[in-house]
C-alpha cells in the first residue's frame, strides 16, 4: 500500500479516513453531494456514466498514487458513478478542509496543481485516443502515452478490460494486437508490451493503416 504524498498537510491527514472497497463496490454515485476528495492508496477505480441509449461510458480511471475525480472538488454533486475495479483502499479527505488548505498553504496548493495537471494530461490523451478511427491507432497511441522510460508498458488490467478502455470489442483487440506482434511493431509478454521501431508511423492518424 502506498504512503500518502509527503506534501499532504498533517492537518488534512488528521481529519481524513481510510475506506476499504471490495471489487465492484461503489465509492460514490451520480448525483450524490460531494463531501470528500479521494486519494487512491491501493487498487484501481473508474468513473462511469450511462448515455441516453443505455451504453456505459468510462469517463476516467484512477490508479494507486493518484487523486481521483479532482474535478468534483468544486462541484456540488458527483457527475459520475465511481466503482472499484479491484479491491482498493482510498484516503477520503473532507472537501471543506481540502479547500481551506489550498487557500492557506502555498506549497500544498502548488503540488496539488502539479498532480492535477498530470491527471488532466492523462484524461486528454484518453479522449484523443477514443477519437482515433482504427484499432491499430488506438493501441499504439495507448502504448506510446503509457510506456515507462524503459519503453515498456505494463498493463494493470486484463485484455478484456483494456478493450473496453480503448472502445473496442475484445475480439478486435486480440486480432489487431496479434497482427502488430506478427508485423514486428509490438513485442508482448502477457500484459507487458514494448513498442518497436516504425510503430509511430503506423499509429499516426494521418496514416491509419
N, C-alpha and C. Protein backbone atom coordinates (compact mmCIF):
# COMPACT_ATOMS: atom_id res chain seq x y z
N UNK A 1 0.84 -1.19 0.00
CA UNK A 1 0.00 0.00 0.00
C UNK A 1 0.88 1.25 0.00
N UNK A 2 0.56 2.22 -0.85
CA UNK A 2 1.36 3.42 -0.96
C UNK A 2 1.15 4.35 0.23
N UNK A 3 2.23 5.05 0.58
CA UNK A 3 2.12 6.08 1.59
C UNK A 3 1.46 7.32 0.99
N UNK A 4 0.88 8.12 1.84
CA UNK A 4 0.26 9.36 1.37
C UNK A 4 1.35 10.32 0.89
N UNK A 5 1.02 11.24 -0.02
CA UNK A 5 2.02 12.19 -0.52
C UNK A 5 2.64 13.00 0.62
N UNK A 6 3.94 13.24 0.54
CA UNK A 6 4.63 14.00 1.58
C UNK A 6 4.11 15.42 1.69
N UNK A 7 3.60 15.95 0.58
CA UNK A 7 3.15 17.34 0.61
C UNK A 7 1.75 17.51 1.22
N UNK A 8 1.09 16.39 1.55
CA UNK A 8 -0.24 16.47 2.13
C UNK A 8 -0.11 16.96 3.58
N UNK A 9 -0.70 18.11 3.92
CA UNK A 9 -0.53 18.68 5.27
C UNK A 9 -1.04 17.74 6.37
N UNK A 10 -0.38 17.79 7.51
CA UNK A 10 -0.77 16.96 8.65
C UNK A 10 -2.20 17.28 9.09
N UNK A 11 -2.60 18.53 8.91
CA UNK A 11 -3.96 18.91 9.31
C UNK A 11 -5.00 18.16 8.49
N UNK A 12 -4.70 17.85 7.23
CA UNK A 12 -5.63 17.09 6.40
C UNK A 12 -5.62 15.61 6.77
N UNK A 13 -4.43 15.09 7.04
CA UNK A 13 -4.33 13.69 7.44
C UNK A 13 -5.12 13.44 8.72
N UNK A 14 -5.12 14.43 9.60
CA UNK A 14 -5.79 14.27 10.88
C UNK A 14 -7.30 14.14 10.75
N UNK A 15 -7.86 14.72 9.69
CA UNK A 15 -9.33 14.68 9.53
C UNK A 15 -9.76 13.70 8.44
N UNK A 16 -8.80 12.99 7.87
CA UNK A 16 -9.10 12.05 6.80
C UNK A 16 -9.35 10.65 7.36
N UNK A 17 -9.93 9.80 6.53
CA UNK A 17 -10.17 8.42 6.94
C UNK A 17 -9.91 7.49 5.76
N UNK A 18 -9.53 6.26 6.08
CA UNK A 18 -9.32 5.25 5.05
C UNK A 18 -10.62 4.51 4.79
N UNK A 19 -10.87 4.24 3.52
CA UNK A 19 -12.05 3.47 3.13
C UNK A 19 -11.58 2.27 2.32
N UNK A 20 -11.96 1.09 2.75
CA UNK A 20 -11.62 -0.14 2.02
C UNK A 20 -12.81 -0.56 1.17
N UNK A 21 -12.53 -0.83 -0.11
CA UNK A 21 -13.58 -1.18 -1.05
C UNK A 21 -13.30 -2.54 -1.67
N UNK A 22 -14.23 -3.47 -1.58
CA UNK A 22 -14.06 -4.73 -2.33
C UNK A 22 -14.27 -4.47 -3.82
N UNK A 23 -13.89 -5.40 -4.64
CA UNK A 23 -14.06 -5.24 -6.09
C UNK A 23 -15.54 -4.98 -6.42
N UNK A 24 -15.75 -4.03 -7.32
CA UNK A 24 -17.09 -3.65 -7.81
C UNK A 24 -17.92 -2.86 -6.81
N UNK A 25 -17.34 -2.50 -5.66
CA UNK A 25 -18.06 -1.68 -4.69
C UNK A 25 -18.10 -0.24 -5.15
N UNK A 26 -19.13 0.48 -4.76
CA UNK A 26 -19.31 1.87 -5.15
C UNK A 26 -18.57 2.80 -4.19
N UNK A 27 -17.85 3.75 -4.74
CA UNK A 27 -17.21 4.80 -3.94
C UNK A 27 -18.15 5.98 -3.79
N UNK A 28 -18.76 6.37 -4.89
CA UNK A 28 -19.82 7.39 -4.86
C UNK A 28 -20.71 7.19 -6.07
N UNK A 29 -21.87 7.79 -6.04
CA UNK A 29 -22.85 7.61 -7.11
C UNK A 29 -23.24 8.95 -7.73
N UNK A 30 -23.68 8.87 -8.97
CA UNK A 30 -24.13 10.05 -9.69
C UNK A 30 -25.18 10.80 -8.88
N UNK A 31 -24.97 12.10 -8.73
CA UNK A 31 -25.95 12.94 -8.05
C UNK A 31 -25.75 13.09 -6.57
N UNK A 32 -24.88 12.27 -5.95
CA UNK A 32 -24.63 12.41 -4.52
C UNK A 32 -23.86 13.69 -4.23
N UNK A 33 -24.12 14.31 -3.06
CA UNK A 33 -23.37 15.53 -2.69
C UNK A 33 -21.88 15.22 -2.55
N UNK A 34 -21.05 16.15 -2.98
CA UNK A 34 -19.59 15.99 -2.86
C UNK A 34 -19.15 16.50 -1.49
N UNK A 35 -18.71 15.59 -0.66
CA UNK A 35 -18.21 15.95 0.67
C UNK A 35 -16.77 15.51 0.88
N UNK A 36 -16.27 14.61 0.01
CA UNK A 36 -14.94 14.05 0.18
C UNK A 36 -14.16 14.09 -1.13
N UNK A 37 -12.86 14.27 -1.02
CA UNK A 37 -11.94 14.09 -2.15
C UNK A 37 -11.10 12.87 -1.84
N UNK A 38 -10.78 12.07 -2.85
CA UNK A 38 -10.16 10.78 -2.61
C UNK A 38 -8.76 10.68 -3.22
N UNK A 39 -7.86 10.07 -2.45
CA UNK A 39 -6.53 9.73 -2.94
C UNK A 39 -6.40 8.22 -2.86
N UNK A 40 -6.03 7.60 -3.96
CA UNK A 40 -6.03 6.15 -4.06
C UNK A 40 -4.71 5.57 -3.53
N UNK A 41 -4.82 4.81 -2.45
CA UNK A 41 -3.65 4.22 -1.82
C UNK A 41 -3.32 2.84 -2.41
N UNK A 42 -4.36 2.12 -2.82
CA UNK A 42 -4.17 0.79 -3.40
C UNK A 42 -5.37 0.45 -4.28
N UNK A 43 -5.11 -0.27 -5.37
CA UNK A 43 -6.19 -0.71 -6.23
C UNK A 43 -6.41 0.18 -7.44
N UNK A 44 -7.61 0.12 -8.00
CA UNK A 44 -7.96 0.90 -9.18
C UNK A 44 -9.43 1.29 -9.11
N UNK A 45 -9.73 2.48 -9.58
CA UNK A 45 -11.09 2.99 -9.61
C UNK A 45 -11.44 3.41 -11.02
N UNK A 46 -12.73 3.45 -11.31
CA UNK A 46 -13.17 4.02 -12.58
C UNK A 46 -14.47 4.78 -12.36
N UNK A 47 -14.60 5.89 -13.08
CA UNK A 47 -15.82 6.70 -13.03
C UNK A 47 -16.58 6.47 -14.33
N UNK A 48 -17.88 6.21 -14.20
CA UNK A 48 -18.69 5.84 -15.36
C UNK A 48 -19.95 6.69 -15.44
N UNK A 49 -20.44 6.79 -16.67
CA UNK A 49 -21.69 7.49 -16.92
C UNK A 49 -22.47 6.69 -17.95
N UNK A 50 -23.78 6.68 -17.84
CA UNK A 50 -24.63 5.96 -18.78
C UNK A 50 -25.25 6.95 -19.77
N UNK A 51 -25.12 6.65 -21.07
CA UNK A 51 -25.68 7.50 -22.12
C UNK A 51 -27.19 7.29 -22.23
N UNK A 52 -27.90 8.21 -22.89
CA UNK A 52 -29.34 8.04 -23.08
C UNK A 52 -29.72 6.72 -23.76
N UNK A 53 -28.80 6.17 -24.56
CA UNK A 53 -29.08 4.90 -25.23
C UNK A 53 -28.83 3.69 -24.34
N UNK A 54 -28.33 3.94 -23.12
CA UNK A 54 -28.08 2.86 -22.19
C UNK A 54 -26.67 2.33 -22.19
N UNK A 55 -25.79 2.92 -22.98
CA UNK A 55 -24.40 2.48 -23.04
C UNK A 55 -23.61 3.05 -21.87
N UNK A 56 -22.80 2.22 -21.24
CA UNK A 56 -21.94 2.67 -20.15
C UNK A 56 -20.62 3.16 -20.71
N UNK A 57 -20.25 4.38 -20.34
CA UNK A 57 -19.02 5.00 -20.83
C UNK A 57 -18.09 5.24 -19.64
N UNK A 58 -16.86 4.78 -19.76
CA UNK A 58 -15.86 5.02 -18.72
C UNK A 58 -15.29 6.42 -18.93
N UNK A 59 -15.51 7.30 -17.98
CA UNK A 59 -15.07 8.69 -18.11
C UNK A 59 -13.62 8.87 -17.65
N UNK A 60 -13.22 8.13 -16.64
CA UNK A 60 -11.84 8.22 -16.17
C UNK A 60 -11.49 7.00 -15.35
N UNK A 61 -10.20 6.73 -15.25
CA UNK A 61 -9.68 5.65 -14.41
C UNK A 61 -8.67 6.24 -13.44
N UNK A 62 -8.58 5.63 -12.28
CA UNK A 62 -7.61 6.06 -11.28
C UNK A 62 -6.78 4.90 -10.80
N UNK A 63 -5.48 5.13 -10.64
CA UNK A 63 -4.56 4.10 -10.16
C UNK A 63 -3.95 4.54 -8.84
N UNK A 64 -3.34 3.59 -8.14
CA UNK A 64 -2.71 3.89 -6.86
C UNK A 64 -1.69 5.01 -7.01
N UNK A 65 -1.72 5.95 -6.06
CA UNK A 65 -0.80 7.07 -6.11
C UNK A 65 -1.38 8.30 -6.76
N UNK A 66 -2.69 8.29 -7.04
CA UNK A 66 -3.33 9.41 -7.73
C UNK A 66 -4.55 9.90 -6.95
N UNK A 67 -4.83 11.20 -7.08
CA UNK A 67 -6.13 11.70 -6.65
C UNK A 67 -7.16 11.21 -7.66
N UNK A 68 -8.39 11.09 -7.23
CA UNK A 68 -9.43 10.58 -8.11
C UNK A 68 -10.60 11.55 -8.16
N UNK A 69 -11.03 11.87 -9.39
CA UNK A 69 -12.16 12.77 -9.62
C UNK A 69 -11.91 14.13 -8.98
N UNK A 70 -10.74 14.70 -9.27
CA UNK A 70 -10.39 16.01 -8.70
C UNK A 70 -11.37 17.11 -9.08
N UNK A 71 -12.00 16.97 -10.26
CA UNK A 71 -12.93 18.00 -10.71
C UNK A 71 -14.11 18.17 -9.75
N UNK A 72 -14.39 17.15 -8.97
CA UNK A 72 -15.52 17.23 -8.03
C UNK A 72 -15.22 18.16 -6.86
N UNK A 73 -13.97 18.59 -6.74
CA UNK A 73 -13.59 19.47 -5.64
C UNK A 73 -14.40 20.77 -5.64
N UNK A 74 -14.82 21.19 -6.82
CA UNK A 74 -15.54 22.46 -6.91
C UNK A 74 -16.92 22.30 -7.54
N UNK A 75 -17.51 21.13 -7.40
CA UNK A 75 -18.87 20.89 -7.87
C UNK A 75 -19.73 20.41 -6.70
N UNK A 76 -21.00 20.75 -6.67
CA UNK A 76 -21.84 20.36 -5.53
C UNK A 76 -22.22 18.88 -5.52
N UNK A 77 -22.32 18.27 -6.71
CA UNK A 77 -22.74 16.88 -6.79
C UNK A 77 -21.85 16.12 -7.78
N UNK A 78 -21.68 14.82 -7.53
CA UNK A 78 -20.90 14.00 -8.44
C UNK A 78 -21.63 13.85 -9.77
N UNK A 79 -20.88 13.92 -10.85
CA UNK A 79 -21.46 13.81 -12.19
C UNK A 79 -21.25 12.43 -12.81
N UNK A 80 -20.65 11.52 -12.04
CA UNK A 80 -20.43 10.15 -12.47
C UNK A 80 -20.65 9.21 -11.30
N UNK A 81 -20.64 7.94 -11.58
CA UNK A 81 -20.64 6.90 -10.56
C UNK A 81 -19.26 6.26 -10.55
N UNK A 82 -18.67 6.10 -9.36
CA UNK A 82 -17.33 5.54 -9.25
C UNK A 82 -17.38 4.17 -8.59
N UNK A 83 -16.67 3.21 -9.20
CA UNK A 83 -16.59 1.85 -8.69
C UNK A 83 -15.14 1.42 -8.55
N UNK A 84 -14.90 0.51 -7.64
CA UNK A 84 -13.57 -0.11 -7.51
C UNK A 84 -13.46 -1.23 -8.52
N UNK A 85 -12.44 -1.19 -9.38
CA UNK A 85 -12.24 -2.25 -10.37
C UNK A 85 -11.62 -3.49 -9.75
N UNK A 86 -10.99 -3.31 -8.60
CA UNK A 86 -10.40 -4.39 -7.84
C UNK A 86 -10.39 -3.94 -6.39
N UNK A 87 -10.11 -4.84 -5.43
CA UNK A 87 -10.06 -4.39 -4.04
C UNK A 87 -9.16 -3.16 -3.89
N UNK A 88 -9.68 -2.12 -3.27
CA UNK A 88 -8.98 -0.85 -3.23
C UNK A 88 -9.07 -0.21 -1.85
N UNK A 89 -8.13 0.68 -1.59
CA UNK A 89 -8.13 1.47 -0.37
C UNK A 89 -7.94 2.93 -0.76
N UNK A 90 -8.82 3.78 -0.28
CA UNK A 90 -8.71 5.20 -0.59
C UNK A 90 -8.61 6.01 0.69
N UNK A 91 -7.93 7.13 0.60
CA UNK A 91 -7.89 8.10 1.68
C UNK A 91 -8.95 9.14 1.36
N UNK A 92 -9.97 9.24 2.21
CA UNK A 92 -11.08 10.17 1.98
C UNK A 92 -10.83 11.44 2.79
N UNK A 93 -10.72 12.57 2.08
CA UNK A 93 -10.38 13.85 2.70
C UNK A 93 -11.58 14.79 2.60
N UNK A 94 -12.02 15.36 3.71
CA UNK A 94 -13.16 16.29 3.65
C UNK A 94 -12.87 17.45 2.69
N UNK A 95 -13.82 17.71 1.81
CA UNK A 95 -13.63 18.75 0.79
C UNK A 95 -13.42 20.12 1.42
N UNK A 96 -14.19 20.44 2.45
CA UNK A 96 -14.07 21.76 3.08
C UNK A 96 -12.67 21.97 3.64
N UNK A 97 -12.12 20.95 4.27
CA UNK A 97 -10.77 21.06 4.82
C UNK A 97 -9.74 21.16 3.70
N UNK A 98 -9.97 20.42 2.62
CA UNK A 98 -9.05 20.44 1.48
C UNK A 98 -9.01 21.83 0.86
N UNK A 99 -10.15 22.44 0.67
CA UNK A 99 -10.20 23.79 0.10
C UNK A 99 -9.50 24.79 1.00
N UNK A 100 -9.70 24.64 2.30
CA UNK A 100 -9.06 25.55 3.24
C UNK A 100 -7.55 25.44 3.17
N UNK A 101 -7.05 24.21 3.05
CA UNK A 101 -5.60 24.00 2.96
C UNK A 101 -5.05 24.61 1.67
N UNK A 102 -5.79 24.48 0.59
CA UNK A 102 -5.35 25.09 -0.67
C UNK A 102 -5.23 26.61 -0.55
N UNK A 103 -6.14 27.20 0.20
CA UNK A 103 -6.17 28.66 0.33
C UNK A 103 -5.10 29.20 1.27
N UNK A 104 -4.59 28.35 2.16
CA UNK A 104 -3.67 28.83 3.18
C UNK A 104 -2.26 28.24 3.09
N UNK A 105 -2.06 27.24 2.25
CA UNK A 105 -0.77 26.57 2.17
C UNK A 105 -0.30 26.59 0.72
N UNK A 106 0.59 27.53 0.41
CA UNK A 106 1.02 27.73 -0.98
C UNK A 106 1.75 26.51 -1.54
N UNK A 107 2.60 25.89 -0.73
CA UNK A 107 3.34 24.72 -1.23
C UNK A 107 2.39 23.58 -1.55
N UNK A 108 1.45 23.32 -0.68
CA UNK A 108 0.47 22.28 -0.93
C UNK A 108 -0.34 22.59 -2.18
N UNK A 109 -0.75 23.84 -2.33
CA UNK A 109 -1.55 24.23 -3.49
C UNK A 109 -0.77 23.98 -4.78
N UNK A 110 0.53 24.30 -4.79
CA UNK A 110 1.34 24.10 -5.99
C UNK A 110 1.50 22.62 -6.31
N UNK A 111 1.76 21.81 -5.30
CA UNK A 111 1.94 20.38 -5.54
C UNK A 111 0.65 19.71 -6.00
N UNK A 112 -0.46 20.12 -5.43
CA UNK A 112 -1.73 19.56 -5.88
C UNK A 112 -2.02 19.98 -7.32
N UNK A 113 -1.70 21.22 -7.66
CA UNK A 113 -1.91 21.68 -9.02
C UNK A 113 -1.07 20.85 -10.00
N UNK A 114 0.16 20.54 -9.63
CA UNK A 114 1.01 19.71 -10.48
C UNK A 114 0.37 18.33 -10.71
N UNK A 115 -0.14 17.75 -9.62
CA UNK A 115 -0.78 16.44 -9.73
C UNK A 115 -2.02 16.51 -10.61
N UNK A 116 -2.78 17.59 -10.47
CA UNK A 116 -4.00 17.75 -11.25
C UNK A 116 -3.69 17.92 -12.74
N UNK A 117 -2.59 18.62 -13.04
CA UNK A 117 -2.19 18.81 -14.44
C UNK A 117 -1.81 17.48 -15.07
N UNK A 118 -1.07 16.65 -14.35
CA UNK A 118 -0.69 15.34 -14.87
C UNK A 118 -1.93 14.48 -15.12
N UNK A 119 -2.88 14.54 -14.20
CA UNK A 119 -4.12 13.79 -14.38
C UNK A 119 -4.88 14.29 -15.60
N UNK A 120 -4.92 15.60 -15.78
CA UNK A 120 -5.62 16.17 -16.93
C UNK A 120 -4.99 15.72 -18.24
N UNK A 121 -3.66 15.66 -18.27
CA UNK A 121 -2.97 15.20 -19.48
C UNK A 121 -3.36 13.76 -19.81
N UNK A 122 -3.43 12.91 -18.77
CA UNK A 122 -3.81 11.52 -19.00
C UNK A 122 -5.24 11.42 -19.54
N UNK A 123 -6.14 12.22 -18.97
CA UNK A 123 -7.53 12.16 -19.42
C UNK A 123 -7.68 12.71 -20.84
N UNK A 124 -6.93 13.76 -21.15
CA UNK A 124 -6.96 14.32 -22.51
C UNK A 124 -6.44 13.30 -23.52
N UNK A 125 -5.39 12.58 -23.14
CA UNK A 125 -4.84 11.55 -24.02
C UNK A 125 -5.88 10.47 -24.27
N UNK A 126 -6.65 10.14 -23.26
CA UNK A 126 -7.68 9.10 -23.42
C UNK A 126 -8.76 9.56 -24.38
N UNK A 127 -9.21 10.82 -24.24
CA UNK A 127 -10.22 11.34 -25.15
C UNK A 127 -9.68 11.38 -26.57
N UNK A 128 -8.44 11.82 -26.72
CA UNK A 128 -7.81 11.86 -28.05
C UNK A 128 -7.75 10.46 -28.65
N UNK A 129 -7.44 9.49 -27.83
CA UNK A 129 -7.31 8.11 -28.30
C UNK A 129 -8.64 7.56 -28.81
N UNK A 130 -9.72 7.86 -28.11
CA UNK A 130 -11.03 7.35 -28.50
C UNK A 130 -11.54 7.98 -29.79
N UNK A 131 -10.95 9.09 -30.19
CA UNK A 131 -11.35 9.74 -31.45
C UNK A 131 -10.60 9.16 -32.65
N UNK A 132 -9.58 8.36 -32.40
CA UNK A 132 -8.86 7.73 -33.50
C UNK A 132 -9.75 6.67 -34.15
N UNK A 133 -9.56 6.47 -35.46
CA UNK A 133 -10.51 5.64 -36.21
C UNK A 133 -10.24 4.15 -36.13
N UNK A 134 -9.00 3.75 -36.07
CA UNK A 134 -8.71 2.32 -36.17
C UNK A 134 -8.22 1.74 -34.85
N UNK A 135 -8.39 0.44 -34.72
CA UNK A 135 -7.90 -0.26 -33.53
C UNK A 135 -6.38 -0.14 -33.42
N UNK A 136 -5.69 -0.22 -34.55
CA UNK A 136 -4.23 -0.09 -34.56
C UNK A 136 -3.80 1.24 -33.97
N UNK A 137 -4.45 2.31 -34.41
CA UNK A 137 -4.10 3.64 -33.90
C UNK A 137 -4.31 3.74 -32.40
N UNK A 138 -5.42 3.21 -31.93
CA UNK A 138 -5.73 3.33 -30.50
C UNK A 138 -4.75 2.54 -29.64
N UNK A 139 -4.40 1.34 -30.09
CA UNK A 139 -3.45 0.52 -29.33
C UNK A 139 -2.09 1.19 -29.27
N UNK A 140 -1.59 1.65 -30.41
CA UNK A 140 -0.27 2.25 -30.45
C UNK A 140 -0.24 3.59 -29.71
N UNK A 141 -1.33 4.33 -29.77
CA UNK A 141 -1.42 5.59 -29.04
C UNK A 141 -1.33 5.32 -27.54
N UNK A 142 -2.08 4.32 -27.07
CA UNK A 142 -2.05 3.98 -25.65
C UNK A 142 -0.64 3.59 -25.21
N UNK A 143 -0.01 2.70 -25.97
CA UNK A 143 1.33 2.24 -25.59
C UNK A 143 2.33 3.38 -25.63
N UNK A 144 2.17 4.29 -26.58
CA UNK A 144 3.08 5.43 -26.68
C UNK A 144 2.93 6.35 -25.48
N UNK A 145 1.69 6.59 -25.06
CA UNK A 145 1.43 7.52 -23.95
C UNK A 145 1.73 6.92 -22.58
N UNK A 146 1.51 5.62 -22.45
CA UNK A 146 1.58 4.99 -21.13
C UNK A 146 2.88 4.24 -20.86
N UNK A 147 3.77 4.17 -21.83
CA UNK A 147 5.03 3.44 -21.61
C UNK A 147 5.94 4.17 -20.63
N UNK A 148 6.69 3.39 -19.85
CA UNK A 148 7.65 3.96 -18.91
C UNK A 148 8.90 4.41 -19.66
N UNK A 149 9.87 4.91 -18.90
CA UNK A 149 11.10 5.41 -19.52
C UNK A 149 11.87 4.32 -20.23
N UNK A 150 11.67 3.07 -19.81
CA UNK A 150 12.38 1.97 -20.47
C UNK A 150 11.67 1.51 -21.75
N UNK A 151 10.60 2.20 -22.11
CA UNK A 151 9.90 1.88 -23.34
C UNK A 151 8.84 0.80 -23.20
N UNK A 152 8.65 0.28 -21.99
CA UNK A 152 7.68 -0.79 -21.77
C UNK A 152 6.41 -0.26 -21.12
N UNK A 153 5.32 -0.92 -21.43
CA UNK A 153 4.03 -0.61 -20.82
C UNK A 153 3.52 -1.87 -20.13
N UNK A 154 3.29 -1.77 -18.83
CA UNK A 154 2.78 -2.90 -18.06
C UNK A 154 1.30 -2.66 -17.80
N UNK A 155 0.45 -3.41 -18.48
CA UNK A 155 -0.99 -3.26 -18.27
C UNK A 155 -1.36 -3.69 -16.86
N UNK A 156 -2.25 -2.94 -16.24
CA UNK A 156 -2.73 -3.28 -14.90
C UNK A 156 -4.12 -3.89 -14.96
N UNK A 157 -4.59 -4.21 -16.17
CA UNK A 157 -5.93 -4.76 -16.34
C UNK A 157 -5.88 -5.91 -17.34
N UNK A 158 -6.84 -6.82 -17.27
CA UNK A 158 -6.91 -7.89 -18.27
C UNK A 158 -7.16 -7.30 -19.65
N UNK A 159 -6.81 -8.04 -20.70
CA UNK A 159 -7.01 -7.55 -22.06
C UNK A 159 -8.48 -7.24 -22.33
N UNK A 160 -9.39 -8.01 -21.74
CA UNK A 160 -10.81 -7.76 -21.97
C UNK A 160 -11.21 -6.38 -21.44
N UNK A 161 -10.64 -5.97 -20.31
CA UNK A 161 -10.93 -4.64 -19.76
C UNK A 161 -10.20 -3.57 -20.55
N UNK A 162 -9.02 -3.89 -21.04
CA UNK A 162 -8.29 -2.93 -21.87
C UNK A 162 -9.10 -2.62 -23.13
N UNK A 163 -9.74 -3.63 -23.68
CA UNK A 163 -10.58 -3.41 -24.86
C UNK A 163 -11.67 -2.40 -24.58
N UNK A 164 -12.30 -2.50 -23.43
CA UNK A 164 -13.35 -1.54 -23.05
C UNK A 164 -12.77 -0.14 -22.94
N UNK A 165 -11.59 -0.04 -22.32
CA UNK A 165 -10.94 1.25 -22.15
C UNK A 165 -10.59 1.88 -23.50
N UNK A 166 -10.29 1.03 -24.49
CA UNK A 166 -9.95 1.52 -25.83
C UNK A 166 -11.17 1.72 -26.72
N UNK A 167 -12.34 1.35 -26.23
CA UNK A 167 -13.55 1.46 -27.03
C UNK A 167 -13.61 0.44 -28.15
N UNK A 168 -13.06 -0.77 -27.88
CA UNK A 168 -13.01 -1.82 -28.90
C UNK A 168 -13.70 -3.08 -28.40
N UNK A 169 -14.16 -3.89 -29.33
CA UNK A 169 -14.62 -5.22 -28.97
C UNK A 169 -13.40 -6.08 -28.64
N UNK A 170 -13.50 -6.96 -27.64
CA UNK A 170 -12.34 -7.79 -27.27
C UNK A 170 -11.74 -8.54 -28.46
N UNK A 171 -12.59 -9.08 -29.33
CA UNK A 171 -12.09 -9.83 -30.48
C UNK A 171 -11.26 -8.93 -31.40
N UNK A 172 -11.70 -7.68 -31.55
CA UNK A 172 -10.95 -6.73 -32.38
C UNK A 172 -9.59 -6.44 -31.77
N UNK A 173 -9.55 -6.26 -30.46
CA UNK A 173 -8.28 -6.01 -29.79
C UNK A 173 -7.34 -7.19 -29.96
N UNK A 174 -7.82 -8.41 -29.70
CA UNK A 174 -6.96 -9.59 -29.80
C UNK A 174 -6.40 -9.73 -31.22
N UNK A 175 -7.27 -9.56 -32.22
CA UNK A 175 -6.86 -9.73 -33.61
C UNK A 175 -5.83 -8.67 -34.01
N UNK A 176 -6.07 -7.43 -33.63
CA UNK A 176 -5.17 -6.34 -34.01
C UNK A 176 -3.84 -6.46 -33.28
N UNK A 177 -3.90 -6.81 -32.02
CA UNK A 177 -2.66 -6.96 -31.25
C UNK A 177 -1.81 -8.09 -31.80
N UNK A 178 -2.45 -9.17 -32.19
CA UNK A 178 -1.72 -10.29 -32.78
C UNK A 178 -1.05 -9.87 -34.09
N UNK A 179 -1.75 -9.07 -34.90
CA UNK A 179 -1.19 -8.59 -36.17
C UNK A 179 0.00 -7.66 -35.91
N UNK A 180 -0.09 -6.82 -34.89
CA UNK A 180 1.02 -5.92 -34.56
C UNK A 180 2.25 -6.71 -34.13
N UNK A 181 2.02 -7.78 -33.39
CA UNK A 181 3.14 -8.65 -32.98
C UNK A 181 3.75 -9.33 -34.20
N UNK A 182 2.91 -9.87 -35.06
CA UNK A 182 3.40 -10.60 -36.23
C UNK A 182 4.16 -9.67 -37.18
N UNK A 183 3.78 -8.40 -37.22
CA UNK A 183 4.45 -7.43 -38.09
C UNK A 183 5.66 -6.78 -37.43
N UNK A 184 5.98 -7.21 -36.21
CA UNK A 184 7.17 -6.70 -35.55
C UNK A 184 7.04 -5.30 -35.00
N UNK A 185 5.81 -4.83 -34.80
CA UNK A 185 5.61 -3.47 -34.30
C UNK A 185 5.45 -3.43 -32.78
N UNK A 186 5.05 -4.54 -32.21
CA UNK A 186 4.88 -4.62 -30.75
C UNK A 186 5.45 -5.95 -30.27
N UNK A 187 6.21 -5.89 -29.19
CA UNK A 187 6.66 -7.10 -28.50
C UNK A 187 5.80 -7.26 -27.25
N UNK A 188 5.32 -8.48 -27.00
CA UNK A 188 4.40 -8.67 -25.87
C UNK A 188 4.75 -9.92 -25.09
N UNK A 189 4.77 -9.78 -23.79
CA UNK A 189 4.90 -10.91 -22.86
C UNK A 189 3.74 -10.80 -21.89
N UNK A 190 2.64 -11.44 -22.25
CA UNK A 190 1.39 -11.34 -21.49
C UNK A 190 0.93 -9.89 -21.45
N UNK A 191 0.96 -9.24 -20.27
CA UNK A 191 0.48 -7.85 -20.19
C UNK A 191 1.61 -6.82 -20.30
N UNK A 192 2.83 -7.27 -20.51
CA UNK A 192 3.95 -6.35 -20.66
C UNK A 192 4.25 -6.18 -22.15
N UNK A 193 4.24 -4.93 -22.61
CA UNK A 193 4.40 -4.67 -24.04
C UNK A 193 5.44 -3.59 -24.29
N UNK A 194 6.06 -3.68 -25.46
CA UNK A 194 7.07 -2.71 -25.86
C UNK A 194 6.84 -2.34 -27.31
N UNK A 195 6.87 -1.04 -27.59
CA UNK A 195 6.77 -0.56 -28.96
C UNK A 195 8.10 -0.78 -29.68
N UNK A 196 8.03 -1.15 -30.94
CA UNK A 196 9.23 -1.37 -31.74
C UNK A 196 9.37 -0.26 -32.78
N UNK A 197 10.52 -0.20 -33.40
CA UNK A 197 10.79 0.82 -34.40
C UNK A 197 9.77 0.75 -35.53
N UNK A 198 9.30 1.94 -35.94
CA UNK A 198 8.36 2.01 -37.05
C UNK A 198 6.91 2.09 -36.63
N UNK A 199 6.62 1.82 -35.35
CA UNK A 199 5.22 1.80 -34.93
C UNK A 199 4.60 3.20 -34.94
N UNK A 200 5.43 4.26 -34.77
CA UNK A 200 4.87 5.59 -34.72
C UNK A 200 4.27 5.99 -36.06
N UNK A 201 4.81 5.47 -37.17
CA UNK A 201 4.23 5.79 -38.47
C UNK A 201 2.87 5.12 -38.64
N UNK A 202 2.77 3.87 -38.18
CA UNK A 202 1.50 3.16 -38.29
C UNK A 202 0.44 3.80 -37.43
N UNK A 203 0.84 4.30 -36.24
CA UNK A 203 -0.12 4.87 -35.33
C UNK A 203 -0.45 6.32 -35.60
N UNK A 204 0.17 6.91 -36.61
CA UNK A 204 -0.10 8.31 -36.93
C UNK A 204 -1.48 8.44 -37.54
N UNK A 205 -2.37 9.31 -36.97
CA UNK A 205 -3.71 9.46 -37.53
C UNK A 205 -3.71 9.84 -39.00
N UNK A 206 -2.63 10.44 -39.46
CA UNK A 206 -2.56 10.83 -40.86
C UNK A 206 -2.23 9.65 -41.76
N UNK A 207 -1.88 8.52 -41.12
CA UNK A 207 -1.51 7.33 -41.89
C UNK A 207 -2.12 6.09 -41.25
N UNK A 208 -3.48 6.00 -41.19
CA UNK A 208 -4.14 4.93 -40.45
C UNK A 208 -4.19 3.62 -41.22
N UNK A 209 -3.06 2.89 -41.22
CA UNK A 209 -3.02 1.59 -41.90
C UNK A 209 -3.43 0.47 -40.96
